[in-house]
């Protein structure tokens, strides 16, 4: 007997995939956040003299947060686009 794999979605609904640009931005943000935390804790002076500056770690952390925020936009927009019914769908009209 075949298994019923009904996940509660209508047959015409499509799943939201994660956009490549969102993954790319997140993949840049995670190492930058780790480096910012490491530089803030004092490890930067061993890597490069410029990383010994007082605001270097903070600049890396803020840049990482900006990248995370930028990655959220395409991911959220893709999920919203997948959730919205097509314009000619009769269930959309009231």
N, C-alpha and C. Protein backbone atom coordinates (compact mmCIF):
# COMPACT_ATOMS: atom_id res chain seq x y z
N UNK A 1 0.85 -1.18 0.00
CA UNK A 1 0.00 0.00 0.00
C UNK A 1 0.90 1.24 0.00
N UNK A 2 0.69 2.16 -0.93
CA UNK A 2 1.54 3.33 -1.00
C UNK A 2 1.27 4.27 0.17
N UNK A 3 2.33 4.89 0.62
CA UNK A 3 2.21 5.83 1.74
C UNK A 3 1.71 7.17 1.23
N UNK A 4 0.86 7.79 2.00
CA UNK A 4 0.35 9.11 1.66
C UNK A 4 1.28 10.15 2.27
N UNK A 5 1.91 10.92 1.43
CA UNK A 5 2.86 11.93 1.89
C UNK A 5 2.25 13.32 1.80
N UNK A 6 1.07 13.49 2.33
CA UNK A 6 0.42 14.80 2.32
C UNK A 6 1.02 15.66 3.41
N UNK A 7 1.63 16.77 3.00
CA UNK A 7 2.24 17.65 3.99
C UNK A 7 1.37 18.86 4.32
N UNK A 8 0.13 18.82 3.94
CA UNK A 8 -0.80 19.88 4.30
C UNK A 8 -0.81 21.03 3.31
N UNK A 9 -0.04 20.97 2.26
CA UNK A 9 -0.02 22.04 1.28
C UNK A 9 -0.92 21.67 0.11
N UNK A 10 -1.41 22.69 -0.55
CA UNK A 10 -2.21 22.45 -1.74
C UNK A 10 -1.30 21.94 -2.84
N UNK A 11 -1.83 21.23 -3.82
CA UNK A 11 -0.99 20.68 -4.88
C UNK A 11 -0.27 21.74 -5.71
N UNK A 12 -0.84 22.94 -5.82
CA UNK A 12 -0.21 23.98 -6.63
C UNK A 12 0.82 24.79 -5.87
N UNK A 13 0.87 24.65 -4.56
CA UNK A 13 1.82 25.43 -3.78
C UNK A 13 3.23 24.88 -3.99
N UNK A 14 4.17 25.80 -4.13
CA UNK A 14 5.55 25.36 -4.29
C UNK A 14 6.34 25.71 -3.04
N UNK A 15 7.35 24.93 -2.77
CA UNK A 15 8.17 25.18 -1.60
C UNK A 15 9.18 26.28 -1.89
N UNK A 16 9.47 27.06 -0.87
CA UNK A 16 10.44 28.14 -1.03
C UNK A 16 11.84 27.57 -0.87
N UNK A 17 12.63 27.74 -1.88
CA UNK A 17 14.02 27.35 -1.79
C UNK A 17 14.83 28.54 -1.27
N UNK A 18 15.96 28.26 -0.71
CA UNK A 18 16.81 29.33 -0.23
C UNK A 18 17.60 29.87 -1.42
N UNK A 19 17.49 31.16 -1.71
CA UNK A 19 18.22 31.72 -2.85
C UNK A 19 19.73 31.62 -2.65
N UNK A 20 20.43 31.45 -3.74
CA UNK A 20 21.88 31.30 -3.69
C UNK A 20 22.54 32.54 -3.12
N UNK A 21 22.03 33.71 -3.45
CA UNK A 21 22.64 34.95 -2.94
C UNK A 21 22.49 35.04 -1.42
N UNK A 22 21.40 34.54 -0.89
CA UNK A 22 21.23 34.52 0.56
C UNK A 22 22.24 33.60 1.23
N UNK A 23 22.46 32.44 0.63
CA UNK A 23 23.47 31.52 1.17
C UNK A 23 24.87 32.10 1.05
N UNK A 24 25.14 32.79 -0.05
CA UNK A 24 26.46 33.39 -0.24
C UNK A 24 26.72 34.47 0.80
N UNK A 25 25.74 35.31 1.04
CA UNK A 25 25.91 36.37 2.04
C UNK A 25 26.06 35.79 3.44
N UNK A 26 25.30 34.75 3.75
CA UNK A 26 25.44 34.11 5.06
C UNK A 26 26.79 33.42 5.21
N UNK A 27 27.26 32.82 4.12
CA UNK A 27 28.56 32.16 4.20
C UNK A 27 29.71 33.14 4.37
N UNK A 28 29.52 34.39 3.99
CA UNK A 28 30.53 35.42 4.25
C UNK A 28 30.37 36.01 5.65
N UNK A 29 29.14 36.07 6.13
CA UNK A 29 28.88 36.72 7.41
C UNK A 29 29.37 35.90 8.60
N UNK A 30 29.23 34.59 8.53
CA UNK A 30 29.58 33.75 9.68
C UNK A 30 31.08 33.81 10.00
N UNK A 31 31.98 33.65 9.00
CA UNK A 31 33.40 33.80 9.35
C UNK A 31 33.78 35.22 9.76
N UNK A 32 33.10 36.21 9.18
CA UNK A 32 33.40 37.59 9.56
C UNK A 32 32.98 37.85 11.00
N UNK A 33 31.87 37.28 11.42
CA UNK A 33 31.43 37.44 12.80
C UNK A 33 32.41 36.75 13.75
N UNK A 34 32.86 35.56 13.38
CA UNK A 34 33.83 34.86 14.21
C UNK A 34 35.15 35.63 14.29
N UNK A 35 35.58 36.19 13.17
CA UNK A 35 36.82 36.99 13.18
C UNK A 35 36.65 38.25 14.00
N UNK A 36 35.48 38.88 13.92
CA UNK A 36 35.23 40.08 14.72
C UNK A 36 35.26 39.80 16.20
N UNK A 37 34.70 38.68 16.60
CA UNK A 37 34.73 38.31 18.02
C UNK A 37 36.16 38.00 18.45
N UNK A 38 36.91 37.32 17.59
CA UNK A 38 38.31 36.99 17.91
C UNK A 38 39.16 38.25 18.00
N UNK A 39 38.97 39.18 17.08
CA UNK A 39 39.74 40.43 17.10
C UNK A 39 39.37 41.26 18.33
N UNK A 40 38.10 41.26 18.69
CA UNK A 40 37.68 42.00 19.88
C UNK A 40 38.27 41.43 21.15
N UNK A 41 38.54 40.12 21.15
CA UNK A 41 39.11 39.50 22.35
C UNK A 41 40.63 39.65 22.42
N UNK A 42 41.25 40.22 21.38
CA UNK A 42 42.67 40.50 21.44
C UNK A 42 43.54 39.67 20.53
N UNK A 43 42.98 38.77 19.77
CA UNK A 43 43.78 37.92 18.89
C UNK A 43 44.26 38.65 17.64
N UNK A 44 43.71 39.82 17.36
CA UNK A 44 44.06 40.55 16.15
C UNK A 44 45.48 41.05 16.12
N UNK A 45 46.06 41.33 17.27
CA UNK A 45 47.43 41.86 17.28
C UNK A 45 48.44 40.84 16.81
N UNK A 46 48.09 39.56 16.87
CA UNK A 46 48.99 38.51 16.38
C UNK A 46 48.87 38.34 14.86
N UNK A 47 47.73 38.74 14.29
CA UNK A 47 47.48 38.54 12.87
C UNK A 47 48.01 39.67 12.02
N UNK A 48 47.72 40.92 12.42
CA UNK A 48 48.10 42.08 11.62
C UNK A 48 48.06 43.31 12.52
N UNK A 49 48.98 44.26 12.31
CA UNK A 49 48.99 45.46 13.16
C UNK A 49 47.70 46.29 13.07
N UNK A 50 47.07 46.31 11.92
CA UNK A 50 45.83 47.08 11.79
C UNK A 50 44.68 46.48 12.60
N UNK A 51 44.73 45.18 12.84
CA UNK A 51 43.69 44.53 13.62
C UNK A 51 43.86 44.77 15.12
N UNK A 52 44.95 45.44 15.50
CA UNK A 52 45.17 45.78 16.90
C UNK A 52 44.50 47.11 17.25
N UNK A 53 43.93 47.79 16.27
CA UNK A 53 43.26 49.07 16.50
C UNK A 53 42.03 48.85 17.38
N UNK A 54 41.66 49.87 18.18
CA UNK A 54 40.56 49.70 19.13
C UNK A 54 39.20 49.33 18.50
N UNK A 55 38.89 49.84 17.31
CA UNK A 55 37.57 49.59 16.72
C UNK A 55 37.55 48.52 15.65
N UNK A 56 38.64 47.80 15.46
CA UNK A 56 38.70 46.83 14.37
C UNK A 56 37.72 45.68 14.58
N UNK A 57 37.65 45.16 15.78
CA UNK A 57 36.73 44.06 16.05
C UNK A 57 35.28 44.49 15.93
N UNK A 58 34.99 45.69 16.40
CA UNK A 58 33.63 46.21 16.30
C UNK A 58 33.22 46.41 14.84
N UNK A 59 34.15 46.88 14.02
CA UNK A 59 33.86 47.07 12.60
C UNK A 59 33.54 45.74 11.92
N UNK A 60 34.27 44.70 12.28
CA UNK A 60 34.00 43.38 11.69
C UNK A 60 32.66 42.82 12.15
N UNK A 61 32.33 43.02 13.42
CA UNK A 61 31.05 42.52 13.94
C UNK A 61 29.89 43.26 13.29
N UNK A 62 30.00 44.58 13.15
CA UNK A 62 28.93 45.37 12.53
C UNK A 62 28.78 44.99 11.06
N UNK A 63 29.90 44.76 10.37
CA UNK A 63 29.83 44.34 8.97
C UNK A 63 29.18 42.97 8.84
N UNK A 64 29.47 42.07 9.76
CA UNK A 64 28.85 40.75 9.74
C UNK A 64 27.34 40.85 9.97
N UNK A 65 26.93 41.70 10.88
CA UNK A 65 25.49 41.89 11.12
C UNK A 65 24.81 42.49 9.90
N UNK A 66 25.49 43.39 9.20
CA UNK A 66 24.92 43.96 7.97
C UNK A 66 24.79 42.88 6.89
N UNK A 67 25.75 41.99 6.80
CA UNK A 67 25.65 40.90 5.84
C UNK A 67 24.50 39.95 6.18
N UNK A 68 24.31 39.68 7.46
CA UNK A 68 23.20 38.82 7.88
C UNK A 68 21.86 39.48 7.53
N UNK A 69 21.76 40.78 7.78
CA UNK A 69 20.55 41.50 7.41
C UNK A 69 20.31 41.51 5.91
N UNK A 70 21.39 41.65 5.15
CA UNK A 70 21.25 41.62 3.69
C UNK A 70 20.87 40.24 3.19
N UNK A 71 21.32 39.21 3.85
CA UNK A 71 20.97 37.84 3.45
C UNK A 71 19.51 37.53 3.77
N UNK A 72 18.97 38.19 4.77
CA UNK A 72 17.58 37.91 5.16
C UNK A 72 16.59 38.37 4.10
N UNK A 73 16.88 39.43 3.37
CA UNK A 73 15.93 39.95 2.39
C UNK A 73 15.60 38.95 1.29
N UNK A 74 16.57 38.38 0.57
CA UNK A 74 16.17 37.43 -0.48
C UNK A 74 15.53 36.16 0.06
N UNK A 75 15.93 35.75 1.25
CA UNK A 75 15.35 34.54 1.84
C UNK A 75 13.88 34.78 2.18
N UNK A 76 13.60 35.89 2.82
CA UNK A 76 12.21 36.22 3.20
C UNK A 76 11.35 36.46 1.97
N UNK A 77 11.90 37.16 0.97
CA UNK A 77 11.12 37.42 -0.24
C UNK A 77 10.81 36.12 -0.99
N UNK A 78 11.73 35.18 -1.01
CA UNK A 78 11.45 33.90 -1.67
C UNK A 78 10.37 33.13 -0.93
N UNK A 79 10.39 33.17 0.38
CA UNK A 79 9.34 32.47 1.15
C UNK A 79 7.98 33.13 0.96
N UNK A 80 7.96 34.46 0.91
CA UNK A 80 6.69 35.15 0.68
C UNK A 80 6.16 34.88 -0.72
N UNK A 81 7.03 34.83 -1.70
CA UNK A 81 6.60 34.56 -3.07
C UNK A 81 6.06 33.14 -3.21
N UNK A 82 6.64 32.20 -2.48
CA UNK A 82 6.14 30.83 -2.55
C UNK A 82 4.80 30.67 -1.84
N UNK A 83 4.55 31.50 -0.85
CA UNK A 83 3.30 31.40 -0.09
C UNK A 83 2.14 32.06 -0.82
N UNK A 84 2.40 33.08 -1.61
CA UNK A 84 1.34 33.83 -2.27
C UNK A 84 0.75 33.04 -3.44
N UNK A 85 -0.60 32.97 -3.52
CA UNK A 85 -1.21 32.26 -4.65
C UNK A 85 -1.04 33.05 -5.95
N UNK A 86 -1.11 32.38 -7.08
CA UNK A 86 -0.99 33.09 -8.36
C UNK A 86 -2.12 34.10 -8.53
N UNK A 87 -1.92 35.15 -9.33
CA UNK A 87 -2.95 36.19 -9.48
C UNK A 87 -4.26 35.69 -10.07
N UNK A 88 -4.25 34.63 -10.88
CA UNK A 88 -5.48 34.13 -11.48
C UNK A 88 -6.15 33.02 -10.66
N UNK A 89 -5.72 32.83 -9.44
CA UNK A 89 -6.27 31.79 -8.58
C UNK A 89 -7.66 32.23 -8.10
N UNK A 90 -8.71 31.40 -8.30
CA UNK A 90 -10.07 31.80 -7.89
C UNK A 90 -10.22 31.92 -6.38
N UNK A 91 -9.39 31.25 -5.59
CA UNK A 91 -9.53 31.36 -4.14
C UNK A 91 -9.03 32.72 -3.63
N UNK A 92 -8.34 33.47 -4.47
CA UNK A 92 -7.84 34.78 -4.07
C UNK A 92 -8.94 35.84 -4.11
N UNK A 93 -9.91 35.63 -4.98
CA UNK A 93 -11.02 36.60 -5.10
C UNK A 93 -12.01 36.39 -3.96
N UNK A 94 -12.62 37.50 -3.59
CA UNK A 94 -13.61 37.42 -2.48
C UNK A 94 -14.99 37.64 -2.96
